[in-house]
Amino acid sequence: MAKAKQKTASDGTKEVNDFMKKLEHPLKNEIELVRAIILESDPSILEQVKWNAPSFRNTEDFVTFNVRPVDKIHLVFHHPSIVRIKSDLLEGEYKDRRMLYLGNRAEIDAAKTEIQRIIRQSVKLIAEGN
């Protein structure tokens, strides 16, 4: 198994940690859980704050939380390669993005494997230039 890349302050983790400390959201713990699931999916994933929310990238930006809804977790997959990934969790028929919504801890736990599959496939497609 490949050794995980050591993340540095330049990857935006401090910026996201600071953002999360200040975030007032009823699903804050669940957002943190999904954040961890995303970061655990692939060692090349880095984070930052984009659009006033935690966002993730490797060589290109590909998924960002939308923290405005307070009744659900909303992930916006905004790299055009996402349209090539099929999953019951992904919603919308936009030409270049898909949405993923989760409600509570039980939904997150049930969806973890599929979320990580989507993330890994996104990273792979981006690396391939697709």
Foldseek 3Di string as FASTA:
>chain_A
DDDADDDDVVLAPVVQVVLLVPDDAPCSVVVVVVVVLLCVLHSQKGWHQDPSFIWIDRPDTFKTWDRPDRQKTKIKGFAQCLCVDDDPQWDDDDNGITMGIGGDPVRCVVCSVVSSVSSVVVVVCVVVVD
